[in-house]
N, C-alpha and C. Protein backbone atom coordinates (compact mmCIF):
# COMPACT_ATOMS: atom_id res chain seq x y z
N UNK A 1 0.74 -1.01 0.08
CA UNK A 1 -0.19 -0.06 -0.13
C UNK A 1 0.80 1.38 0.00
N UNK A 2 0.45 2.08 -0.88
CA UNK A 2 1.43 3.17 -1.09
C UNK A 2 1.02 4.37 0.03
N UNK A 3 1.80 5.25 0.37
CA UNK A 3 1.66 6.23 1.39
C UNK A 3 0.58 7.24 1.26
N UNK A 4 0.06 7.56 -0.12
CA UNK A 4 -1.04 8.30 -0.30
C UNK A 4 -2.33 7.72 -0.23
N UNK A 5 -2.43 6.34 -0.46
CA UNK A 5 -3.48 5.54 -0.53
C UNK A 5 -3.82 5.54 1.20
N UNK A 6 -2.61 5.06 2.16
CA UNK A 6 -2.79 4.86 3.51
C UNK A 6 -3.32 6.16 4.12
N UNK A 7 -2.73 7.38 3.59
CA UNK A 7 -3.27 8.75 4.30
C UNK A 7 -4.84 8.97 3.66
N UNK A 8 -5.31 8.59 2.75
CA UNK A 8 -6.64 8.83 2.50
C UNK A 8 -7.43 7.87 2.88
N UNK A 9 -6.98 6.70 3.43
CA UNK A 9 -7.91 5.78 4.10
C UNK A 9 -7.71 5.95 5.76
N UNK A 10 -6.77 6.53 6.29
CA UNK A 10 -6.43 6.55 7.50
C UNK A 10 -7.56 7.24 8.25
N UNK A 11 -8.41 8.41 7.87
CA UNK A 11 -9.56 8.99 8.39
C UNK A 11 -10.79 7.99 8.61
N UNK A 12 -10.70 7.06 7.42
CA UNK A 12 -11.96 6.37 7.58
C UNK A 12 -11.61 5.22 8.39
N UNK A 13 -10.38 4.89 8.75
CA UNK A 13 -10.21 3.71 9.69
C UNK A 13 -10.56 4.30 11.27
N UNK A 14 -10.11 5.48 11.25
CA UNK A 14 -10.34 6.01 12.43
C UNK A 14 -11.83 6.26 12.90
N UNK A 15 -12.47 6.74 11.75
CA UNK A 15 -14.21 7.03 12.09
C UNK A 15 -14.67 5.67 12.31
N UNK A 16 -14.32 4.48 11.74
CA UNK A 16 -14.87 3.38 11.72
C UNK A 16 -14.57 2.79 13.37
N UNK A 17 -13.24 2.97 13.88
CA UNK A 17 -13.02 2.47 15.10
C UNK A 17 -13.82 3.48 16.30
N UNK A 18 -14.06 4.61 15.99
CA UNK A 18 -14.56 5.62 16.75
C UNK A 18 -16.29 5.05 16.63
N UNK A 19 -16.72 4.71 15.67
CA UNK A 19 -18.26 4.25 15.28
C UNK A 19 -18.38 3.10 16.27
N UNK A 20 -17.40 1.97 16.12
CA UNK A 20 -17.37 0.97 16.81
C UNK A 20 -17.36 1.09 18.45
N UNK A 21 -16.49 1.92 18.87
CA UNK A 21 -16.39 2.13 20.27
C UNK A 21 -17.69 2.88 20.76
N UNK A 22 -18.44 3.89 20.03
CA UNK A 22 -19.59 4.45 20.50
C UNK A 22 -20.49 3.48 20.46
N UNK A 23 -20.87 2.65 19.60
CA UNK A 23 -21.87 1.78 19.37
C UNK A 23 -21.82 0.66 20.45
N UNK A 24 -20.56 0.45 20.88
CA UNK A 24 -20.52 -0.72 21.98
C UNK A 24 -20.87 0.13 23.38
N UNK A 25 -20.37 1.25 23.40
CA UNK A 25 -20.40 2.07 24.69
C UNK A 25 -22.28 2.23 24.81
N UNK A 26 -22.88 2.64 23.55
CA UNK A 26 -24.20 2.93 23.98
C UNK A 26 -24.95 1.50 23.96
N UNK A 27 -24.53 0.71 23.52
CA UNK A 27 -24.99 -0.73 23.69
C UNK A 27 -24.89 -1.19 25.15
N UNK A 28 -23.70 -1.04 25.63
CA UNK A 28 -23.48 -1.37 27.19
C UNK A 28 -24.36 -0.64 28.06
N UNK A 29 -24.42 0.79 27.82
CA UNK A 29 -25.18 1.89 28.56
C UNK A 29 -26.80 1.47 28.53
N UNK A 30 -27.29 1.18 27.50
CA UNK A 30 -28.84 1.15 27.32
C UNK A 30 -29.45 -0.44 27.63
N UNK A 31 -28.37 -1.28 27.15
CA UNK A 31 -28.96 -2.66 27.02
C UNK A 31 -28.19 -3.54 28.33
N UNK A 32 -27.20 -2.95 28.85
CA UNK A 32 -26.42 -3.60 29.56
C UNK A 32 -25.37 -4.63 29.01
N UNK A 33 -24.65 -5.25 29.76
CA UNK A 33 -23.61 -6.33 29.22
C UNK A 33 -24.40 -7.43 28.63
N UNK A 34 -24.04 -7.34 27.24
CA UNK A 34 -24.82 -8.14 26.46
C UNK A 34 -24.07 -9.47 26.26
N UNK A 35 -22.67 -9.58 26.52
CA UNK A 35 -21.95 -10.73 26.25
C UNK A 35 -20.91 -10.50 24.95
N UNK A 36 -19.95 -11.30 25.16
CA UNK A 36 -18.96 -11.07 23.88
C UNK A 36 -19.48 -11.35 22.75
N UNK A 37 -20.41 -12.38 22.31
CA UNK A 37 -20.76 -12.74 21.21
C UNK A 37 -21.58 -11.58 20.69
N UNK A 38 -22.74 -11.29 21.26
CA UNK A 38 -23.46 -10.02 20.82
C UNK A 38 -22.36 -8.72 20.29
N UNK A 39 -21.52 -8.45 21.27
CA UNK A 39 -20.71 -7.34 21.00
C UNK A 39 -19.94 -7.53 19.60
N UNK A 40 -19.27 -8.86 19.45
CA UNK A 40 -18.76 -9.11 18.37
C UNK A 40 -19.56 -8.94 17.00
N UNK A 41 -20.99 -9.43 17.12
CA UNK A 41 -21.84 -9.34 16.03
C UNK A 41 -22.05 -7.77 15.82
N UNK A 42 -22.25 -6.97 16.75
CA UNK A 42 -22.27 -5.61 16.44
C UNK A 42 -21.23 -4.95 15.94
N UNK A 43 -19.88 -5.39 16.38
CA UNK A 43 -18.78 -4.83 15.65
C UNK A 43 -18.71 -5.29 14.35
N UNK A 44 -19.03 -6.50 13.92
CA UNK A 44 -18.87 -6.87 12.57
C UNK A 44 -20.13 -6.05 11.57
N UNK A 45 -21.10 -5.81 12.29
CA UNK A 45 -22.22 -5.35 11.69
C UNK A 45 -21.74 -3.58 11.39
N UNK A 46 -21.20 -2.91 12.29
CA UNK A 46 -20.87 -1.57 12.23
C UNK A 46 -19.71 -1.68 11.25
N UNK A 47 -18.56 -2.54 11.12
CA UNK A 47 -17.34 -2.52 10.36
C UNK A 47 -17.97 -2.58 8.75
N UNK A 48 -18.85 -3.64 8.72
CA UNK A 48 -19.37 -3.88 7.16
C UNK A 48 -20.48 -2.74 6.76
N UNK A 49 -21.09 -2.13 7.60
CA UNK A 49 -21.99 -1.02 7.04
C UNK A 49 -21.47 0.19 7.13
N UNK A 50 -20.11 0.58 7.42
CA UNK A 50 -19.37 1.69 7.37
C UNK A 50 -19.17 2.09 5.91
N UNK A 51 -18.71 1.01 4.87
CA UNK A 51 -18.32 1.61 3.36
C UNK A 51 -19.73 1.89 2.87
N UNK A 52 -20.70 1.19 3.10
CA UNK A 52 -22.18 1.53 2.49
C UNK A 52 -22.47 2.92 2.96
N UNK A 53 -22.31 3.35 4.11
CA UNK A 53 -22.71 4.73 4.85
C UNK A 53 -21.95 5.65 4.05
N UNK A 54 -20.65 5.30 4.05
CA UNK A 54 -19.66 6.53 3.76
C UNK A 54 -19.91 6.79 2.14
N UNK A 55 -20.26 5.74 1.30
CA UNK A 55 -20.66 5.83 -0.07
C UNK A 55 -22.05 6.54 -0.33
N UNK A 56 -22.78 6.13 0.71
CA UNK A 56 -24.33 6.92 0.60
C UNK A 56 -24.16 8.50 1.08
N UNK A 57 -23.22 8.79 1.88
CA UNK A 57 -22.92 10.18 2.21
C UNK A 57 -22.09 10.89 1.46
N UNK A 58 -21.38 10.04 0.24
CA UNK A 58 -20.63 10.75 -0.69
C UNK A 58 -19.19 11.04 -0.32
N UNK A 59 -19.03 10.38 0.86
CA UNK A 59 -17.49 10.67 1.58
C UNK A 59 -16.68 9.55 1.37
N UNK A 60 -16.99 8.51 0.37
CA UNK A 60 -15.90 7.22 0.50
C UNK A 60 -14.79 7.73 -0.45
N UNK A 61 -13.69 7.08 -0.05
CA UNK A 61 -12.45 7.36 -0.55
C UNK A 61 -12.22 6.51 -2.01
N UNK A 62 -11.44 7.29 -2.71
CA UNK A 62 -11.09 6.80 -4.23
C UNK A 62 -10.64 5.29 -4.21
N UNK A 63 -9.90 4.99 -2.97
CA UNK A 63 -9.42 3.80 -2.90
C UNK A 63 -10.49 2.62 -3.00
N UNK A 64 -11.62 2.94 -2.54
CA UNK A 64 -12.85 2.06 -2.44
C UNK A 64 -13.38 1.79 -3.87
N UNK A 65 -13.37 2.36 -4.80
CA UNK A 65 -13.89 2.56 -6.00
C UNK A 65 -13.44 1.11 -6.84
N UNK A 66 -14.49 0.75 -7.56
CA UNK A 66 -14.19 -0.58 -8.13
C UNK A 66 -13.03 -0.25 -9.47
N UNK A 67 -11.77 -0.91 -9.55
CA UNK A 67 -11.01 -0.62 -10.67
C UNK A 67 -11.56 -1.23 -11.94
N UNK A 68 -12.47 -2.04 -11.93
CA UNK A 68 -12.96 -2.48 -13.31
C UNK A 68 -13.87 -1.28 -14.05
N UNK A 69 -14.20 -0.24 -13.33
CA UNK A 69 -15.25 0.70 -13.96
C UNK A 69 -14.53 1.76 -14.56
């Protein structure tokens, strides 16, 4: 991975991490301790949903574009 691509993706990695932490914190605050498996499912869901949300908001990095297009 070249440096420019990494620098372009870094804010998205950080945003993804912040969203995961905030989502888990909210889950623990409002639903209590749900257990590791539930939290893991929530983490996977947030991580998989983030690219779709970023694309829908129009803030997706060019590194996520399909190279065949």
